[in-house]
N, C-alpha and C. Protein backbone atom coordinates (compact mmCIF):
# COMPACT_ATOMS: atom_id res chain seq x y z
N MET A 1 -19.20 -18.15 6.11
CA MET A 1 -19.51 -19.54 6.04
C MET A 1 -20.15 -19.93 7.36
N SER A 2 -21.14 -20.78 7.30
CA SER A 2 -21.81 -21.22 8.51
C SER A 2 -20.96 -22.25 9.21
N GLN A 3 -21.35 -22.64 10.43
CA GLN A 3 -20.60 -23.64 11.17
C GLN A 3 -20.66 -24.99 10.47
N SER A 4 -21.68 -25.24 9.67
CA SER A 4 -21.78 -26.51 8.95
C SER A 4 -20.81 -26.57 7.78
N GLY A 5 -20.15 -25.44 7.44
CA GLY A 5 -19.19 -25.43 6.37
C GLY A 5 -19.75 -24.97 5.04
N ARG A 6 -21.04 -24.71 4.95
CA ARG A 6 -21.61 -24.24 3.69
C ARG A 6 -21.61 -22.72 3.70
N PHE A 7 -21.59 -22.16 2.51
CA PHE A 7 -21.63 -20.71 2.39
C PHE A 7 -23.06 -20.25 2.61
N VAL A 8 -23.19 -19.08 3.20
CA VAL A 8 -24.51 -18.56 3.53
C VAL A 8 -24.89 -17.45 2.57
N ALA A 9 -26.18 -17.21 2.44
CA ALA A 9 -26.68 -16.17 1.55
C ALA A 9 -26.36 -14.80 2.10
N ASP A 10 -26.39 -13.79 1.22
CA ASP A 10 -26.06 -12.41 1.57
C ASP A 10 -26.79 -11.95 2.82
N SER A 11 -28.07 -12.25 2.90
CA SER A 11 -28.87 -11.79 4.03
C SER A 11 -28.51 -12.53 5.31
N ASP A 12 -27.78 -13.65 5.20
CA ASP A 12 -27.43 -14.44 6.37
C ASP A 12 -26.10 -14.02 7.00
N TRP A 13 -25.33 -13.16 6.36
CA TRP A 13 -24.05 -12.72 6.93
C TRP A 13 -24.34 -11.83 8.11
N SER A 14 -23.66 -12.06 9.23
CA SER A 14 -23.92 -11.26 10.43
C SER A 14 -23.38 -9.84 10.28
N SER A 15 -22.34 -9.68 9.44
CA SER A 15 -21.82 -8.34 9.21
C SER A 15 -21.00 -8.34 7.92
N PRO A 16 -20.83 -7.16 7.31
CA PRO A 16 -19.95 -7.08 6.14
C PRO A 16 -18.52 -7.50 6.48
N ALA A 17 -18.08 -7.25 7.70
CA ALA A 17 -16.73 -7.64 8.10
C ALA A 17 -16.57 -9.16 8.07
N ASP A 18 -17.60 -9.90 8.51
CA ASP A 18 -17.56 -11.36 8.46
C ASP A 18 -17.47 -11.85 7.01
N ARG A 19 -18.25 -11.24 6.15
CA ARG A 19 -18.24 -11.62 4.73
C ARG A 19 -16.88 -11.32 4.11
N ARG A 20 -16.32 -10.14 4.40
CA ARG A 20 -15.01 -9.79 3.87
C ARG A 20 -13.93 -10.74 4.37
N GLU A 21 -14.05 -11.18 5.60
CA GLU A 21 -13.08 -12.14 6.13
C GLU A 21 -13.14 -13.44 5.34
N GLN A 22 -14.34 -13.87 4.97
CA GLN A 22 -14.46 -15.08 4.16
C GLN A 22 -13.87 -14.86 2.76
N VAL A 23 -14.10 -13.69 2.18
CA VAL A 23 -13.51 -13.36 0.88
C VAL A 23 -11.99 -13.40 1.00
N ARG A 24 -11.46 -12.80 2.04
CA ARG A 24 -10.01 -12.77 2.27
C ARG A 24 -9.46 -14.19 2.36
N ARG A 25 -10.11 -15.03 3.11
CA ARG A 25 -9.66 -16.41 3.28
C ARG A 25 -9.69 -17.18 1.96
N LEU A 26 -10.74 -16.97 1.19
CA LEU A 26 -10.84 -17.66 -0.09
C LEU A 26 -9.73 -17.25 -1.04
N VAL A 27 -9.45 -15.95 -1.12
CA VAL A 27 -8.40 -15.47 -2.02
C VAL A 27 -7.02 -15.94 -1.54
N LEU A 28 -6.76 -15.83 -0.25
CA LEU A 28 -5.45 -16.21 0.27
C LEU A 28 -5.22 -17.72 0.20
N SER A 29 -6.29 -18.51 0.30
CA SER A 29 -6.11 -19.97 0.29
C SER A 29 -5.69 -20.50 -1.07
N THR A 30 -6.09 -19.83 -2.14
CA THR A 30 -5.75 -20.31 -3.48
C THR A 30 -4.80 -19.39 -4.23
N GLY A 31 -4.61 -18.17 -3.73
CA GLY A 31 -3.73 -17.22 -4.40
C GLY A 31 -4.44 -16.36 -5.42
N PHE A 32 -5.61 -16.79 -5.87
CA PHE A 32 -6.38 -16.04 -6.86
C PHE A 32 -7.84 -16.46 -6.77
N ALA A 33 -8.74 -15.51 -6.98
CA ALA A 33 -10.17 -15.83 -7.04
C ALA A 33 -10.85 -14.90 -8.03
N ARG A 34 -11.77 -15.47 -8.79
CA ARG A 34 -12.57 -14.69 -9.75
C ARG A 34 -13.75 -14.06 -9.03
N THR A 35 -14.08 -12.84 -9.42
CA THR A 35 -15.17 -12.09 -8.81
C THR A 35 -16.48 -12.87 -8.89
N GLU A 36 -16.79 -13.39 -10.06
CA GLU A 36 -18.06 -14.10 -10.25
C GLU A 36 -18.13 -15.35 -9.38
N GLU A 37 -17.01 -16.04 -9.24
CA GLU A 37 -16.98 -17.25 -8.43
C GLU A 37 -17.16 -16.92 -6.95
N LEU A 38 -16.53 -15.85 -6.49
CA LEU A 38 -16.72 -15.41 -5.10
C LEU A 38 -18.18 -15.08 -4.85
N ALA A 39 -18.80 -14.35 -5.78
CA ALA A 39 -20.21 -13.98 -5.63
C ALA A 39 -21.08 -15.24 -5.53
N ARG A 40 -20.79 -16.21 -6.39
CA ARG A 40 -21.57 -17.44 -6.37
C ARG A 40 -21.38 -18.21 -5.06
N GLN A 41 -20.14 -18.35 -4.63
CA GLN A 41 -19.85 -19.10 -3.41
C GLN A 41 -20.45 -18.45 -2.17
N LEU A 42 -20.44 -17.13 -2.16
CA LEU A 42 -20.91 -16.41 -0.97
C LEU A 42 -22.39 -16.07 -1.03
N GLY A 43 -23.02 -16.24 -2.19
CA GLY A 43 -24.43 -15.92 -2.31
C GLY A 43 -24.71 -14.43 -2.27
N VAL A 44 -23.80 -13.64 -2.84
CA VAL A 44 -23.95 -12.18 -2.87
C VAL A 44 -23.81 -11.70 -4.31
N SER A 45 -24.06 -10.42 -4.52
CA SER A 45 -23.93 -9.86 -5.86
C SER A 45 -22.47 -9.61 -6.21
N VAL A 46 -22.19 -9.52 -7.50
CA VAL A 46 -20.84 -9.20 -7.98
C VAL A 46 -20.42 -7.83 -7.45
N MET A 47 -21.33 -6.89 -7.39
CA MET A 47 -21.00 -5.55 -6.88
C MET A 47 -20.60 -5.60 -5.40
N THR A 48 -21.26 -6.46 -4.63
CA THR A 48 -20.88 -6.62 -3.22
C THR A 48 -19.46 -7.16 -3.13
N VAL A 49 -19.13 -8.13 -3.96
CA VAL A 49 -17.77 -8.68 -3.98
C VAL A 49 -16.78 -7.59 -4.37
N HIS A 50 -17.10 -6.79 -5.39
CA HIS A 50 -16.21 -5.69 -5.79
C HIS A 50 -15.95 -4.75 -4.61
N ARG A 51 -16.99 -4.39 -3.89
CA ARG A 51 -16.80 -3.50 -2.74
C ARG A 51 -15.94 -4.15 -1.66
N ASP A 52 -16.18 -5.45 -1.42
CA ASP A 52 -15.36 -6.17 -0.43
C ASP A 52 -13.90 -6.22 -0.87
N LEU A 53 -13.66 -6.49 -2.15
CA LEU A 53 -12.29 -6.53 -2.65
C LEU A 53 -11.62 -5.17 -2.55
N ASP A 54 -12.39 -4.10 -2.78
CA ASP A 54 -11.83 -2.74 -2.63
C ASP A 54 -11.34 -2.52 -1.20
N VAL A 55 -12.15 -2.91 -0.23
CA VAL A 55 -11.77 -2.74 1.18
C VAL A 55 -10.53 -3.58 1.49
N LEU A 56 -10.53 -4.84 1.07
CA LEU A 56 -9.40 -5.73 1.35
C LEU A 56 -8.12 -5.27 0.65
N ALA A 57 -8.26 -4.70 -0.54
CA ALA A 57 -7.09 -4.16 -1.24
C ALA A 57 -6.55 -2.94 -0.49
N THR A 58 -7.43 -2.10 0.02
CA THR A 58 -7.02 -0.93 0.81
C THR A 58 -6.27 -1.36 2.07
N GLU A 59 -6.71 -2.50 2.64
CA GLU A 59 -6.06 -3.02 3.85
C GLU A 59 -4.80 -3.83 3.50
N ASP A 60 -4.47 -3.92 2.21
CA ASP A 60 -3.26 -4.58 1.73
C ASP A 60 -3.27 -6.10 1.88
N TRP A 61 -4.46 -6.70 1.93
CA TRP A 61 -4.56 -8.16 1.99
C TRP A 61 -4.42 -8.80 0.62
N LEU A 62 -4.84 -8.07 -0.41
CA LEU A 62 -4.85 -8.63 -1.76
C LEU A 62 -4.69 -7.53 -2.77
N THR A 63 -4.53 -7.95 -4.02
CA THR A 63 -4.45 -7.00 -5.13
C THR A 63 -5.61 -7.28 -6.05
N LYS A 64 -6.39 -6.27 -6.33
CA LYS A 64 -7.52 -6.40 -7.22
C LYS A 64 -7.03 -6.33 -8.67
N ILE A 65 -7.43 -7.30 -9.46
CA ILE A 65 -7.09 -7.31 -10.88
C ILE A 65 -8.36 -7.48 -11.69
N ARG A 66 -8.28 -7.30 -12.98
CA ARG A 66 -9.45 -7.45 -13.84
C ARG A 66 -10.04 -8.85 -13.68
N GLY A 67 -11.28 -8.92 -13.23
CA GLY A 67 -11.98 -10.19 -13.10
C GLY A 67 -11.81 -10.89 -11.77
N GLY A 68 -11.03 -10.32 -10.86
CA GLY A 68 -10.85 -10.99 -9.58
C GLY A 68 -9.81 -10.34 -8.71
N ALA A 69 -9.13 -11.17 -7.93
CA ALA A 69 -8.12 -10.66 -7.00
C ALA A 69 -7.05 -11.71 -6.80
N THR A 70 -5.83 -11.26 -6.50
CA THR A 70 -4.73 -12.16 -6.19
C THR A 70 -4.26 -11.88 -4.77
N ALA A 71 -3.69 -12.91 -4.16
CA ALA A 71 -3.13 -12.74 -2.82
C ALA A 71 -2.01 -11.72 -2.91
N ASN A 72 -1.87 -10.93 -1.88
CA ASN A 72 -0.87 -9.87 -1.90
C ASN A 72 0.53 -10.46 -1.87
N PRO A 73 1.36 -10.10 -2.83
CA PRO A 73 2.72 -10.65 -2.87
C PRO A 73 3.60 -10.23 -1.71
N SER A 74 3.14 -9.33 -0.86
CA SER A 74 3.95 -8.95 0.29
C SER A 74 4.14 -10.12 1.25
N ALA A 75 3.31 -11.15 1.11
CA ALA A 75 3.50 -12.35 1.92
C ALA A 75 4.85 -13.00 1.63
N LEU A 76 5.40 -12.72 0.46
CA LEU A 76 6.72 -13.26 0.12
C LEU A 76 7.79 -12.82 1.10
N ALA A 77 7.59 -11.66 1.69
CA ALA A 77 8.57 -11.15 2.65
C ALA A 77 8.68 -12.05 3.88
N LEU A 78 7.64 -12.81 4.17
CA LEU A 78 7.65 -13.69 5.34
C LEU A 78 8.35 -15.01 5.08
N LEU A 79 8.47 -15.41 3.83
CA LEU A 79 9.00 -16.73 3.50
C LEU A 79 10.37 -17.05 4.09
N PRO A 80 11.34 -16.15 4.01
CA PRO A 80 12.66 -16.49 4.57
C PRO A 80 12.63 -16.76 6.07
N HIS A 81 11.62 -16.29 6.77
CA HIS A 81 11.54 -16.46 8.22
C HIS A 81 10.85 -17.76 8.62
N LEU A 82 10.26 -18.47 7.67
CA LEU A 82 9.54 -19.70 8.00
C LEU A 82 10.45 -20.77 8.56
N SER A 83 11.64 -20.92 8.02
CA SER A 83 12.52 -22.00 8.46
C SER A 83 13.02 -21.79 9.88
N ALA A 84 12.95 -20.59 10.40
CA ALA A 84 13.41 -20.33 11.76
C ALA A 84 12.47 -20.95 12.79
N ALA A 85 11.20 -21.19 12.42
CA ALA A 85 10.21 -21.69 13.37
C ALA A 85 10.44 -23.16 13.71
N ALA A 86 10.59 -24.01 12.71
CA ALA A 86 10.72 -25.45 12.92
C ALA A 86 10.87 -26.12 11.56
N GLN A 87 10.98 -27.44 11.57
CA GLN A 87 10.95 -28.19 10.32
C GLN A 87 9.58 -27.97 9.68
N LEU A 88 9.54 -27.59 8.42
CA LEU A 88 8.28 -27.28 7.76
C LEU A 88 8.13 -28.07 6.47
N THR A 89 6.87 -28.39 6.17
CA THR A 89 6.51 -28.86 4.84
C THR A 89 5.51 -27.86 4.31
N VAL A 90 5.83 -27.21 3.22
CA VAL A 90 4.95 -26.21 2.62
C VAL A 90 4.40 -26.79 1.32
N THR A 91 3.08 -26.81 1.20
CA THR A 91 2.41 -27.26 -0.01
C THR A 91 1.82 -26.03 -0.67
N THR A 92 2.24 -25.74 -1.91
CA THR A 92 1.81 -24.50 -2.54
C THR A 92 1.67 -24.65 -4.05
N ASN A 93 0.89 -23.75 -4.61
CA ASN A 93 0.75 -23.66 -6.06
C ASN A 93 1.43 -22.39 -6.59
N PHE A 94 2.02 -21.60 -5.72
CA PHE A 94 2.59 -20.30 -6.04
C PHE A 94 4.08 -20.47 -6.37
N LEU A 95 4.42 -20.37 -7.64
CA LEU A 95 5.77 -20.71 -8.09
C LEU A 95 6.84 -19.77 -7.56
N THR A 96 6.49 -18.53 -7.32
CA THR A 96 7.46 -17.61 -6.73
C THR A 96 7.83 -18.07 -5.32
N ALA A 97 6.83 -18.55 -4.58
CA ALA A 97 7.10 -19.07 -3.24
C ALA A 97 7.96 -20.32 -3.31
N VAL A 98 7.72 -21.16 -4.30
CA VAL A 98 8.53 -22.37 -4.47
C VAL A 98 10.00 -21.99 -4.63
N ALA A 99 10.26 -21.02 -5.48
CA ALA A 99 11.64 -20.58 -5.72
C ALA A 99 12.28 -20.02 -4.45
N GLU A 100 11.50 -19.26 -3.69
CA GLU A 100 12.02 -18.66 -2.46
C GLU A 100 12.29 -19.71 -1.39
N LEU A 101 11.40 -20.70 -1.29
CA LEU A 101 11.49 -21.70 -0.23
C LEU A 101 12.50 -22.81 -0.53
N ALA A 102 12.76 -23.04 -1.80
CA ALA A 102 13.59 -24.18 -2.21
C ALA A 102 14.97 -24.18 -1.57
N GLY A 103 15.53 -23.02 -1.33
CA GLY A 103 16.88 -22.95 -0.77
C GLY A 103 16.94 -22.88 0.74
N LEU A 104 15.81 -22.91 1.42
CA LEU A 104 15.81 -22.76 2.87
C LEU A 104 16.04 -24.10 3.56
N ALA A 105 16.95 -24.11 4.53
CA ALA A 105 17.20 -25.32 5.31
C ALA A 105 15.98 -25.64 6.17
N GLY A 106 15.64 -26.91 6.26
CA GLY A 106 14.54 -27.32 7.12
C GLY A 106 13.17 -27.15 6.51
N VAL A 107 13.10 -26.78 5.22
CA VAL A 107 11.80 -26.58 4.58
C VAL A 107 11.68 -27.55 3.41
N GLU A 108 10.67 -28.40 3.48
CA GLU A 108 10.34 -29.29 2.37
C GLU A 108 9.23 -28.63 1.58
N VAL A 109 9.36 -28.60 0.26
CA VAL A 109 8.37 -27.93 -0.59
C VAL A 109 7.66 -28.96 -1.46
N VAL A 110 6.33 -28.94 -1.41
CA VAL A 110 5.50 -29.78 -2.27
C VAL A 110 4.78 -28.84 -3.23
N VAL A 111 4.96 -29.05 -4.53
CA VAL A 111 4.38 -28.17 -5.54
C VAL A 111 3.12 -28.81 -6.12
N LEU A 112 2.04 -28.04 -6.08
CA LEU A 112 0.77 -28.50 -6.63
C LEU A 112 0.69 -28.14 -8.11
N GLY A 113 0.12 -29.03 -8.88
CA GLY A 113 -0.01 -28.80 -10.31
C GLY A 113 -1.31 -28.10 -10.66
N GLY A 114 -1.60 -28.10 -11.93
CA GLY A 114 -2.79 -27.44 -12.44
C GLY A 114 -2.41 -26.63 -13.66
N ARG A 115 -3.32 -25.82 -14.11
CA ARG A 115 -3.07 -24.97 -15.26
C ARG A 115 -2.29 -23.74 -14.81
N TYR A 116 -1.17 -23.47 -15.48
CA TYR A 116 -0.32 -22.34 -15.10
C TYR A 116 -0.93 -21.03 -15.58
N HIS A 117 -0.96 -20.02 -14.68
CA HIS A 117 -1.43 -18.67 -15.00
C HIS A 117 -0.24 -17.73 -14.81
N ARG A 118 0.22 -17.17 -15.90
CA ARG A 118 1.41 -16.32 -15.88
C ARG A 118 1.23 -15.10 -14.99
N LEU A 119 0.06 -14.46 -15.05
CA LEU A 119 -0.17 -13.25 -14.27
C LEU A 119 -0.02 -13.50 -12.77
N GLN A 120 -0.52 -14.62 -12.30
CA GLN A 120 -0.45 -14.94 -10.87
C GLN A 120 0.80 -15.74 -10.50
N GLU A 121 1.56 -16.19 -11.51
CA GLU A 121 2.73 -17.03 -11.31
C GLU A 121 2.38 -18.25 -10.45
N ALA A 122 1.25 -18.87 -10.78
CA ALA A 122 0.77 -20.00 -9.99
C ALA A 122 -0.03 -20.94 -10.87
N CYS A 123 -0.25 -22.13 -10.34
CA CYS A 123 -1.08 -23.13 -11.01
C CYS A 123 -2.43 -23.21 -10.29
N PHE A 124 -3.49 -23.38 -11.07
CA PHE A 124 -4.83 -23.45 -10.51
C PHE A 124 -5.59 -24.61 -11.14
N GLY A 125 -6.51 -25.14 -10.41
CA GLY A 125 -7.34 -26.23 -10.90
C GLY A 125 -7.77 -27.11 -9.76
N LEU A 126 -8.41 -28.21 -10.09
CA LEU A 126 -8.90 -29.12 -9.06
C LEU A 126 -7.78 -29.66 -8.18
N GLN A 127 -6.58 -29.77 -8.74
CA GLN A 127 -5.45 -30.29 -7.98
C GLN A 127 -5.02 -29.36 -6.85
N THR A 128 -5.35 -28.08 -6.95
CA THR A 128 -4.86 -27.11 -5.97
C THR A 128 -5.89 -26.68 -4.94
N GLU A 129 -7.16 -26.85 -5.22
CA GLU A 129 -8.21 -26.33 -4.34
C GLU A 129 -8.13 -26.93 -2.95
N GLY A 130 -7.97 -26.06 -1.96
CA GLY A 130 -7.96 -26.47 -0.57
C GLY A 130 -6.74 -27.26 -0.13
N ARG A 131 -5.67 -27.26 -0.91
CA ARG A 131 -4.52 -28.08 -0.59
C ARG A 131 -3.28 -27.28 -0.20
N CYS A 132 -3.29 -25.97 -0.33
CA CYS A 132 -2.13 -25.17 0.04
C CYS A 132 -2.04 -25.09 1.55
N CYS A 133 -0.92 -25.48 2.12
CA CYS A 133 -0.81 -25.43 3.58
C CYS A 133 0.65 -25.49 4.00
N VAL A 134 0.86 -25.29 5.28
CA VAL A 134 2.18 -25.40 5.89
C VAL A 134 2.05 -26.41 7.01
N GLN A 135 2.92 -27.40 7.03
CA GLN A 135 2.92 -28.38 8.11
C GLN A 135 4.16 -28.15 8.94
N VAL A 136 3.97 -27.95 10.24
CA VAL A 136 5.07 -27.70 11.15
C VAL A 136 5.37 -29.00 11.89
N GLY A 137 6.58 -29.52 11.68
CA GLY A 137 6.93 -30.79 12.32
C GLY A 137 6.02 -31.91 11.84
N ARG A 138 5.80 -32.90 12.67
CA ARG A 138 4.94 -34.02 12.30
C ARG A 138 3.51 -33.84 12.80
N ALA A 139 3.32 -33.05 13.81
CA ALA A 139 2.04 -33.01 14.48
C ALA A 139 1.13 -31.86 14.04
N ARG A 140 1.69 -30.72 13.74
CA ARG A 140 0.87 -29.53 13.52
C ARG A 140 0.79 -29.17 12.06
N ARG A 141 -0.43 -28.98 11.56
CA ARG A 141 -0.63 -28.60 10.17
C ARG A 141 -1.47 -27.33 10.15
N VAL A 142 -0.99 -26.30 9.48
CA VAL A 142 -1.68 -25.02 9.40
C VAL A 142 -2.06 -24.78 7.95
N CYS A 143 -3.35 -24.81 7.64
CA CYS A 143 -3.76 -24.56 6.27
C CYS A 143 -3.87 -23.07 6.03
N CYS A 144 -3.59 -22.67 4.81
CA CYS A 144 -3.61 -21.26 4.45
C CYS A 144 -5.05 -20.77 4.39
N VAL A 145 -5.51 -20.16 5.44
CA VAL A 145 -6.88 -19.65 5.49
C VAL A 145 -6.87 -18.19 5.84
């Protein structure tokens, strides 16, 4: 993505690593991304996205599934440790995370709606795009990127 916030064309990426980082951020921010949508957003071919997803899956950032990719569920292992940092507000569409976080002291959970997808155990739609984040205390907000 350029500094202006728009996605750049394939030939405009400074390196494949930069492009893969953007793919990683897009998948992790929503929990799931379709291959065709990633290609459209990034201005690259579907085959380029497939190759990027292969690399990211090898690095254990995500899981490649038919038609796209899901955020790696190993992130669930971090959830119990979130409450140790500070008072948190977690906004998520990932129902497994909701269940894990609900019992933690000091963690407020905001659940985003949308259409439920059983395979990803999450809700997706306009209500969820760009809204998953963790807020630490009153001052600091960390969006899932």
